[in-house]
């Protein structure tokens, strides 16, 4: 094998090692991020989690959710602001 080929092989191996390191770093970052999100959501009350699920997972509007639980839409907005402030701490 000529020295040029060996240099190319070493360069390729080094690139692959850096890619593996980047992938591992990304996996670690993602796992840490997911743990932090789970921890933040565990700090919410059941009613707060229900509100987020209804609006963002089930697609209900604030008005629909407010009607369903018998409060005003502004009460829902206030509850969402409380949730945002709570989640920002994480």
PDB file of N, CA and C in Angstrom:
ATOM      1  N   UNK A   1       0.856  -1.161   0.000  1.00  0.00           N
ATOM      2  CA  UNK A   1       0.000   0.000   0.000  1.00  0.00           C
ATOM      3  C   UNK A   1       0.905   1.227   0.000  1.00  0.00           C
ATOM      4  N   UNK A   2       0.599   2.161  -0.879  1.00  0.00           N
ATOM      5  CA  UNK A   2       1.411   3.375  -0.939  1.00  0.00           C
ATOM      6  C   UNK A   2       1.036   4.297   0.217  1.00  0.00           C
ATOM      7  N   UNK A   3       1.921   5.233   0.497  1.00  0.00           N
ATOM      8  CA  UNK A   3       1.691   6.127   1.637  1.00  0.00           C
ATOM      9  C   UNK A   3       0.472   7.014   1.418  1.00  0.00           C
ATOM     10  N   UNK A   4       0.167   7.333   0.142  1.00  0.00           N
ATOM     11  CA  UNK A   4      -1.028   8.147  -0.143  1.00  0.00           C
ATOM     12  C   UNK A   4      -2.290   7.391   0.246  1.00  0.00           C
ATOM     13  N   UNK A   5      -2.329   6.114  -0.103  1.00  0.00           N
ATOM     14  CA  UNK A   5      -3.489   5.293   0.231  1.00  0.00           C
ATOM     15  C   UNK A   5      -3.628   5.157   1.740  1.00  0.00           C
ATOM     16  N   UNK A   6      -2.499   4.963   2.419  1.00  0.00           N
ATOM     17  CA  UNK A   6      -2.530   4.828   3.871  1.00  0.00           C
ATOM     18  C   UNK A   6      -3.016   6.132   4.521  1.00  0.00           C
ATOM     19  N   UNK A   7      -2.588   7.272   3.994  1.00  0.00           N
ATOM     20  CA  UNK A   7      -3.046   8.559   4.522  1.00  0.00           C
ATOM     21  C   UNK A   7      -4.553   8.718   4.319  1.00  0.00           C
ATOM     22  N   UNK A   8      -5.016   8.325   3.123  1.00  0.00           N
ATOM     23  CA  UNK A   8      -6.455   8.394   2.847  1.00  0.00           C
ATOM     24  C   UNK A   8      -7.236   7.501   3.814  1.00  0.00           C
ATOM     25  N   UNK A   9      -6.716   6.290   4.053  1.00  0.00           N
ATOM     26  CA  UNK A   9      -7.380   5.371   4.971  1.00  0.00           C
ATOM     27  C   UNK A   9      -7.406   5.937   6.393  1.00  0.00           C
ATOM     28  N   UNK A  10      -6.286   6.506   6.825  1.00  0.00           N
ATOM     29  CA  UNK A  10      -6.228   7.103   8.160  1.00  0.00           C
ATOM     30  C   UNK A  10      -7.190   8.280   8.271  1.00  0.00           C
ATOM     31  N   UNK A  11      -7.248   9.082   7.219  1.00  0.00           N
ATOM     32  CA  UNK A  11      -8.160  10.233   7.205  1.00  0.00           C
ATOM     33  C   UNK A  11      -9.611   9.757   7.297  1.00  0.00           C
ATOM     34  N   UNK A  12      -9.931   8.721   6.537  1.00  0.00           N
ATOM     35  CA  UNK A  12     -11.286   8.162   6.557  1.00  0.00           C
ATOM     36  C   UNK A  12     -11.609   7.590   7.934  1.00  0.00           C
ATOM     37  N   UNK A  13     -10.662   6.866   8.526  1.00  0.00           N
ATOM     38  CA  UNK A  13     -10.883   6.316   9.865  1.00  0.00           C
ATOM     39  C   UNK A  13     -11.097   7.425  10.893  1.00  0.00           C
ATOM     40  N   UNK A  14     -10.310   8.473  10.795  1.00  0.00           N
ATOM     41  CA  UNK A  14     -10.467   9.596  11.722  1.00  0.00           C
ATOM     42  C   UNK A  14     -11.825  10.266  11.558  1.00  0.00           C
ATOM     43  N   UNK A  15     -12.272  10.402  10.313  1.00  0.00           N
ATOM     44  CA  UNK A  15     -13.594  10.983  10.071  1.00  0.00           C
ATOM     45  C   UNK A  15     -14.684  10.107  10.674  1.00  0.00           C
ATOM     46  N   UNK A  16     -14.545   8.791  10.500  1.00  0.00           N
ATOM     47  CA  UNK A  16     -15.528   7.865  11.065  1.00  0.00           C
ATOM     48  C   UNK A  16     -15.547   7.930  12.593  1.00  0.00           C
ATOM     49  N   UNK A  17     -14.369   8.032  13.205  1.00  0.00           N
ATOM     50  CA  UNK A  17     -14.303   8.144  14.661  1.00  0.00           C
ATOM     51  C   UNK A  17     -14.990   9.418  15.132  1.00  0.00           C
ATOM     52  N   UNK A  18     -14.754  10.532  14.436  1.00  0.00           N
ATOM     53  CA  UNK A  18     -15.398  11.799  14.805  1.00  0.00           C
ATOM     54  C   UNK A  18     -16.906  11.702  14.641  1.00  0.00           C
ATOM     55  N   UNK A  19     -17.352  11.021  13.569  1.00  0.00           N
ATOM     56  CA  UNK A  19     -18.793  10.846  13.364  1.00  0.00           C
ATOM     57  C   UNK A  19     -19.400  10.027  14.504  1.00  0.00           C
ATOM     58  N   UNK A  20     -18.715   8.968  14.905  1.00  0.00           N
ATOM     59  CA  UNK A  20     -19.214   8.145  16.014  1.00  0.00           C
ATOM     60  C   UNK A  20     -19.267   8.958  17.302  1.00  0.00           C
ATOM     61  N   UNK A  21     -18.233   9.776  17.541  1.00  0.00           N
ATOM     62  CA  UNK A  21     -18.222  10.625  18.728  1.00  0.00           C
ATOM     63  C   UNK A  21     -19.385  11.609  18.694  1.00  0.00           C
ATOM     64  N   UNK A  22     -19.662  12.174  17.522  1.00  0.00           N
ATOM     65  CA  UNK A  22     -20.771  13.122  17.385  1.00  0.00           C
ATOM     66  C   UNK A  22     -22.105  12.421  17.615  1.00  0.00           C
ATOM     67  N   UNK A  23     -22.252  11.242  17.079  1.00  0.00           N
ATOM     68  CA  UNK A  23     -23.504  10.488  17.269  1.00  0.00           C
ATOM     69  C   UNK A  23     -23.717  10.150  18.740  1.00  0.00           C
ATOM     70  N   UNK A  24     -22.645   9.745  19.404  1.00  0.00           N
ATOM     71  CA  UNK A  24     -22.752   9.434  20.832  1.00  0.00           C
ATOM     72  C   UNK A  24     -23.109  10.692  21.611  1.00  0.00           C
ATOM     73  N   UNK A  25     -22.472  11.791  21.304  1.00  0.00           N
ATOM     74  CA  UNK A  25     -22.772  13.050  21.994  1.00  0.00           C
ATOM     75  C   UNK A  25     -24.226  13.444  21.770  1.00  0.00           C
ATOM     76  N   UNK A  26     -24.711  13.265  20.541  1.00  0.00           N
ATOM     77  CA  UNK A  26     -26.105  13.599  20.251  1.00  0.00           C
ATOM     78  C   UNK A  26     -27.054  12.688  21.021  1.00  0.00           C
ATOM     79  N   UNK A  27     -26.768  11.385  21.054  1.00  0.00           N
ATOM     80  CA  UNK A  27     -27.614  10.448  21.808  1.00  0.00           C
ATOM     81  C   UNK A  27     -27.640  10.814  23.290  1.00  0.00           C
ATOM     82  N   UNK A  28     -26.468  11.164  23.828  1.00  0.00           N
ATOM     83  CA  UNK A  28     -26.395  11.560  25.236  1.00  0.00           C
ATOM     84  C   UNK A  28     -27.199  12.830  25.483  1.00  0.00           C
ATOM     85  N   UNK A  29     -27.053  13.799  24.580  1.00  0.00           N
ATOM     86  CA  UNK A  29     -27.797  15.057  24.701  1.00  0.00           C
ATOM     87  C   UNK A  29     -29.295  14.786  24.647  1.00  0.00           C
ATOM     88  N   UNK A  30     -29.719  13.964  23.694  1.00  0.00           N
ATOM     89  CA  UNK A  30     -31.140  13.661  23.525  1.00  0.00           C
ATOM     90  C   UNK A  30     -31.691  12.947  24.759  1.00  0.00           C
ATOM     91  N   UNK A  31     -30.948  11.985  25.275  1.00  0.00           N
ATOM     92  CA  UNK A  31     -31.396  11.254  26.463  1.00  0.00           C
ATOM     93  C   UNK A  31     -31.512  12.194  27.659  1.00  0.00           C
ATOM     94  N   UNK A  32     -30.551  13.082  27.824  1.00  0.00           N
ATOM     95  CA  UNK A  32     -30.593  14.050  28.916  1.00  0.00           C
ATOM     96  C   UNK A  32     -31.777  14.994  28.752  1.00  0.00           C
ATOM     97  N   UNK A  33     -32.000  15.436  27.530  1.00  0.00           N
ATOM     98  CA  UNK A  33     -33.117  16.335  27.229  1.00  0.00           C
ATOM     99  C   UNK A  33     -34.448  15.651  27.543  1.00  0.00           C
ATOM    100  N   UNK A  34     -34.586  14.411  27.156  1.00  0.00           N
ATOM    101  CA  UNK A  34     -35.818  13.660  27.417  1.00  0.00           C
ATOM    102  C   UNK A  34     -36.039  13.465  28.914  1.00  0.00           C
ATOM    103  N   UNK A  35     -34.949  13.220  29.667  1.00  0.00           N
ATOM    104  CA  UNK A  35     -35.073  13.089  31.121  1.00  0.00           C
ATOM    105  C   UNK A  35     -35.538  14.400  31.749  1.00  0.00           C
ATOM    106  N   UNK A  36     -34.987  15.511  31.265  1.00  0.00           N
ATOM    107  CA  UNK A  36     -35.375  16.818  31.804  1.00  0.00           C
ATOM    108  C   UNK A  36     -36.836  17.127  31.501  1.00  0.00           C
ATOM    109  N   UNK A  37     -37.292  16.781  30.307  1.00  0.00           N
ATOM    110  CA  UNK A  37     -38.702  17.006  29.950  1.00  0.00           C
ATOM    111  C   UNK A  37     -39.605  16.143  30.830  1.00  0.00           C
ATOM    112  N   UNK A  38     -39.245  14.883  30.995  1.00  0.00           N
ATOM    113  CA  UNK A  38     -40.046  13.991  31.842  1.00  0.00           C
ATOM    114  C   UNK A  38     -40.094  14.514  33.274  1.00  0.00           C
ATOM    115  N   UNK A  39     -38.961  14.985  33.778  1.00  0.00           N
ATOM    116  CA  UNK A  39     -38.909  15.538  35.136  1.00  0.00           C
ATOM    117  C   UNK A  39     -39.799  16.772  35.234  1.00  0.00           C
ATOM    118  N   UNK A  40     -39.721  17.656  34.251  1.00  0.00           N
ATOM    119  CA  UNK A  40     -40.537  18.875  34.262  1.00  0.00           C
ATOM    120  C   UNK A  40     -42.019  18.527  34.254  1.00  0.00           C
ATOM    121  N   UNK A  41     -42.406  17.600  33.404  1.00  0.00           N
ATOM    122  CA  UNK A  41     -43.818  17.228  33.325  1.00  0.00           C
ATOM    123  C   UNK A  41     -44.287  16.511  34.591  1.00  0.00           C
ATOM    124  N   UNK A  42     -43.394  15.811  35.253  1.00  0.00           N
ATOM    125  CA  UNK A  42     -43.786  15.146  36.499  1.00  0.00           C
ATOM    126  C   UNK A  42     -44.073  16.160  37.602  1.00  0.00           C
ATOM    127  N   UNK A  43     -43.557  17.369  37.451  1.00  0.00           N
ATOM    128  CA  UNK A  43     -43.804  18.427  38.431  1.00  0.00           C
ATOM    129  C   UNK A  43     -45.173  19.088  38.237  1.00  0.00           C
ATOM    130  N   UNK A  44     -45.803  18.833  37.100  1.00  0.00           N
ATOM    131  CA  UNK A  44     -47.123  19.411  36.843  1.00  0.00           C
ATOM    132  C   UNK A  44     -48.199  18.593  37.551  1.00  0.00           C
ATOM    133  N   UNK A  45     -49.282  19.258  37.886  1.00  0.00           N
ATOM    134  CA  UNK A  45     -50.420  18.544  38.474  1.00  0.00           C
ATOM    135  C   UNK A  45     -51.131  17.745  37.380  1.00  0.00           C
ATOM    136  N   UNK A  46     -51.977  16.838  37.796  1.00  0.00           N
ATOM    137  CA  UNK A  46     -52.748  16.038  36.843  1.00  0.00           C
ATOM    138  C   UNK A  46     -53.597  16.955  35.963  1.00  0.00           C
ATOM    139  N   UNK A  47     -54.233  17.951  36.559  1.00  0.00           N
ATOM    140  CA  UNK A  47     -55.086  18.848  35.763  1.00  0.00           C
ATOM    141  C   UNK A  47     -54.263  19.659  34.764  1.00  0.00           C
ATOM    142  N   UNK A  48     -53.033  20.021  35.138  1.00  0.00           N
ATOM    143  CA  UNK A  48     -52.166  20.739  34.198  1.00  0.00           C
ATOM    144  C   UNK A  48     -51.753  19.833  33.044  1.00  0.00           C
ATOM    145  N   UNK A  49     -51.413  18.596  33.350  1.00  0.00           N
ATOM    146  CA  UNK A  49     -51.055  17.646  32.285  1.00  0.00           C
ATOM    147  C   UNK A  49     -52.259  17.364  31.396  1.00  0.00           C
ATOM    148  N   UNK A  50     -53.437  17.240  32.002  1.00  0.00           N
ATOM    149  CA  UNK A  50     -54.663  17.023  31.219  1.00  0.00           C
ATOM    150  C   UNK A  50     -54.914  18.183  30.262  1.00  0.00           C
ATOM    151  N   UNK A  51     -54.700  19.400  30.739  1.00  0.00           N
ATOM    152  CA  UNK A  51     -54.886  20.582  29.897  1.00  0.00           C
ATOM    153  C   UNK A  51     -53.947  20.543  28.699  1.00  0.00           C
ATOM    154  N   UNK A  52     -52.672  20.280  28.943  1.00  0.00           N
ATOM    155  CA  UNK A  52     -51.707  20.217  27.839  1.00  0.00           C
ATOM    156  C   UNK A  52     -52.055  19.110  26.855  1.00  0.00           C
ATOM    157  N   UNK A  53     -52.453  17.952  27.378  1.00  0.00           N
ATOM    158  CA  UNK A  53     -52.829  16.838  26.497  1.00  0.00           C
ATOM    159  C   UNK A  53     -54.019  17.220  25.634  1.00  0.00           C
ATOM    160  N   UNK A  54     -55.029  17.819  26.249  1.00  0.00           N
ATOM    161  CA  UNK A  54     -56.238  18.182  25.502  1.00  0.00           C
ATOM    162  C   UNK A  54     -55.928  19.180  24.392  1.00  0.00           C
ATOM    163  N   UNK A  55     -55.127  20.183  24.708  1.00  0.00           N
ATOM    164  CA  UNK A  55     -54.851  21.220  23.711  1.00  0.00           C
ATOM    165  C   UNK A  55     -53.854  20.778  22.649  1.00  0.00           C
ATOM    166  N   UNK A  56     -52.764  20.163  23.079  1.00  0.00           N
ATOM    167  CA  UNK A  56     -51.665  19.922  22.146  1.00  0.00           C
ATOM    168  C   UNK A  56     -51.619  18.514  21.574  1.00  0.00           C
ATOM    169  N   UNK A  57     -52.215  17.563  22.252  1.00  0.00           N
ATOM    170  CA  UNK A  57     -52.234  16.205  21.714  1.00  0.00           C
ATOM    171  C   UNK A  57     -53.577  15.900  21.060  1.00  0.00           C
ATOM    172  N   UNK A  58     -54.656  16.284  21.739  1.00  0.00           N
ATOM    173  CA  UNK A  58     -55.996  15.990  21.226  1.00  0.00           C
ATOM    174  C   UNK A  58     -56.512  17.064  20.274  1.00  0.00           C
ATOM    175  N   UNK A  59     -55.867  18.225  20.257  1.00  0.00           N
ATOM    176  CA  UNK A  59     -56.236  19.279  19.313  1.00  0.00           C
ATOM    177  C   UNK A  59     -57.444  20.117  19.706  1.00  0.00           C
ATOM    178  N   UNK A  60     -57.825  20.092  20.964  1.00  0.00           N
ATOM    179  CA  UNK A  60     -58.953  20.924  21.398  1.00  0.00           C
ATOM    180  C   UNK A  60     -58.534  22.398  21.420  1.00  0.00           C
ATOM    181  N   UNK A  61     -59.497  23.266  21.198  1.00  0.00           N
ATOM    182  CA  UNK A  61     -59.233  24.698  21.338  1.00  0.00           C
ATOM    183  C   UNK A  61     -59.388  25.081  22.810  1.00  0.00           C
ATOM    184  N   UNK A  62     -58.872  26.267  23.153  1.00  0.00           N
ATOM    185  CA  UNK A  62     -59.055  26.756  24.525  1.00  0.00           C
ATOM    186  C   UNK A  62     -60.541  26.872  24.856  1.00  0.00           C
ATOM    187  N   UNK A  63     -61.309  27.351  23.893  1.00  0.00           N
ATOM    188  CA  UNK A  63     -62.755  27.513  24.101  1.00  0.00           C
ATOM    189  C   UNK A  63     -63.417  26.163  24.364  1.00  0.00           C
ATOM    190  N   UNK A  64     -63.078  25.156  23.552  1.00  0.00           N
ATOM    191  CA  UNK A  64     -63.662  23.823  23.732  1.00  0.00           C
ATOM    192  C   UNK A  64     -63.313  23.244  25.104  1.00  0.00           C
ATOM    193  N   UNK A  65     -62.059  23.389  25.483  1.00  0.00           N
ATOM    194  CA  UNK A  65     -61.639  22.845  26.776  1.00  0.00           C
ATOM    195  C   UNK A  65     -62.306  23.601  27.919  1.00  0.00           C
ATOM    196  N   UNK A  66     -62.372  24.917  27.788  1.00  0.00           N
ATOM    197  CA  UNK A  66     -63.031  25.733  28.813  1.00  0.00           C
ATOM    198  C   UNK A  66     -64.489  25.312  28.976  1.00  0.00           C
ATOM    199  N   UNK A  67     -65.179  25.137  27.851  1.00  0.00           N
ATOM    200  CA  UNK A  67     -66.580  24.698  27.896  1.00  0.00           C
ATOM    201  C   UNK A  67     -66.709  23.322  28.554  1.00  0.00           C
ATOM    202  N   UNK A  68     -65.774  22.433  28.232  1.00  0.00           N
ATOM    203  CA  UNK A  68     -65.834  21.060  28.744  1.00  0.00           C
ATOM    204  C   UNK A  68     -65.674  20.998  30.264  1.00  0.00           C
ATOM    205  N   UNK A  69     -64.863  21.912  30.815  1.00  0.00           N
ATOM    206  CA  UNK A  69     -64.650  21.846  32.268  1.00  0.00           C
ATOM    207  C   UNK A  69     -65.381  22.959  33.019  1.00  0.00           C
ATOM    208  N   UNK A  70     -66.108  23.791  32.275  1.00  0.00           N
ATOM    209  CA  UNK A  70     -66.949  24.795  32.908  1.00  0.00           C
ATOM    210  C   UNK A  70     -66.241  26.028  33.433  1.00  0.00           C
ATOM    211  N   UNK A  71     -65.215  26.473  32.697  1.00  0.00           N
ATOM    212  CA  UNK A  71     -64.529  27.718  33.068  1.00  0.00           C
ATOM    213  C   UNK A  71     -64.455  28.619  31.840  1.00  0.00           C
ATOM    214  N   UNK A  72     -63.957  29.832  32.021  1.00  0.00           N
ATOM    215  CA  UNK A  72     -63.837  30.758  30.893  1.00  0.00           C
ATOM    216  C   UNK A  72     -62.547  30.483  30.117  1.00  0.00           C
ATOM    217  N   UNK A  73     -62.515  30.869  28.834  1.00  0.00           N
ATOM    218  CA  UNK A  73     -61.285  30.732  28.058  1.00  0.00           C
ATOM    219  C   UNK A  73     -60.120  31.517  28.677  1.00  0.00           C
ATOM    220  N   UNK A  74     -60.421  32.647  29.318  1.00  0.00           N
ATOM    221  CA  UNK A  74     -59.335  33.411  29.952  1.00  0.00           C
ATOM    222  C   UNK A  74     -58.740  32.634  31.131  1.00  0.00           C
ATOM    223  N   UNK A  75     -59.555  31.827  31.805  1.00  0.00           N
ATOM    224  CA  UNK A  75     -59.026  30.976  32.879  1.00  0.00           C
ATOM    225  C   UNK A  75     -58.051  29.951  32.308  1.00  0.00           C
ATOM    226  N   UNK A  76     -58.372  29.438  31.133  1.00  0.00           N
ATOM    227  CA  UNK A  76     -57.474  28.482  30.470  1.00  0.00           C
ATOM    228  C   UNK A  76     -56.167  29.175  30.097  1.00  0.00           C
ATOM    229  N   UNK A  77     -56.262  30.377  29.558  1.00  0.00           N
ATOM    230  CA  UNK A  77     -55.053  31.137  29.214  1.00  0.00           C
ATOM    231  C   UNK A  77     -54.197  31.372  30.454  1.00  0.00           C
ATOM    232  N   UNK A  78     -54.830  31.706  31.553  1.00  0.00           N
ATOM    233  CA  UNK A  78     -54.100  31.926  32.804  1.00  0.00           C
ATOM    234  C   UNK A  78     -53.421  30.631  33.257  1.00  0.00           C
ATOM    235  N   UNK A  79     -54.129  29.526  33.162  1.00  0.00           N
ATOM    236  CA  UNK A  79     -53.549  28.232  33.552  1.00  0.00           C
ATOM    237  C   UNK A  79     -52.350  27.880  32.671  1.00  0.00           C
ATOM    238  N   UNK A  80     -52.465  28.167  31.379  1.00  0.00           N
ATOM    239  CA  UNK A  80     -51.343  27.899  30.469  1.00  0.00           C
ATOM    240  C   UNK A  80     -50.134  28.747  30.827  1.00  0.00           C
ATOM    241  N   UNK A  81     -50.369  29.991  31.189  1.00  0.00           N
ATOM    242  CA  UNK A  81     -49.267  30.869  31.585  1.00  0.00           C
ATOM    243  C   UNK A  81     -48.601  30.336  32.857  1.00  0.00           C
ATOM    244  N   UNK A  82     -49.392  29.854  33.780  1.00  0.00           N
ATOM    245  CA  UNK A  82     -48.848  29.256  35.005  1.00  0.00           C
ATOM    246  C   UNK A  82     -47.991  28.039  34.668  1.00  0.00           C
ATOM    247  N   UNK A  83     -48.469  27.218  33.746  1.00  0.00           N
ATOM    248  CA  UNK A  83     -47.713  26.034  33.317  1.00  0.00           C
ATOM    249  C   UNK A  83     -46.406  26.459  32.660  1.00  0.00           C
ATOM    250  N   UNK A  84     -46.461  27.445  31.768  1.00  0.00           N
ATOM    251  CA  UNK A  84     -45.237  27.913  31.091  1.00  0.00           C
ATOM    252  C   UNK A  84     -44.200  28.380  32.107  1.00  0.00           C
ATOM    253  N   UNK A  85     -44.643  29.155  33.091  1.00  0.00           N
ATOM    254  CA  UNK A  85     -43.714  29.649  34.114  1.00  0.00           C
ATOM    255  C   UNK A  85     -43.104  28.490  34.894  1.00  0.00           C
ATOM    256  N   UNK A  86     -43.911  27.513  35.203  1.00  0.00           N
ATOM    257  CA  UNK A  86     -43.428  26.350  35.945  1.00  0.00           C
ATOM    258  C   UNK A  86     -42.403  25.568  35.121  1.00  0.00           C
ATOM    259  N   UNK A  87     -42.703  25.384  33.832  1.00  0.00           N
ATOM    260  CA  UNK A  87     -41.799  24.616  32.970  1.00  0.00           C
ATOM    261  C   UNK A  87     -40.513  25.376  32.665  1.00  0.00           C
ATOM    262  N   UNK A  88     -40.571  26.695  32.652  1.00  0.00           N
ATOM    263  CA  UNK A  88     -39.370  27.493  32.368  1.00  0.00           C
ATOM    264  C   UNK A  88     -38.287  27.266  33.409  1.00  0.00           C
ATOM    265  N   UNK A  89     -38.691  26.906  34.611  1.00  0.00           N
ATOM    266  CA  UNK A  89     -37.722  26.676  35.684  1.00  0.00           C
ATOM    267  C   UNK A  89     -36.815  25.490  35.380  1.00  0.00           C
ATOM    268  N   UNK A  90     -37.255  24.643  34.460  1.00  0.00           N
ATOM    269  CA  UNK A  90     -36.471  23.470  34.105  1.00  0.00           C
ATOM    270  C   UNK A  90     -35.682  23.749  32.867  1.00  0.00           C
TER     271      UNK A  90
END
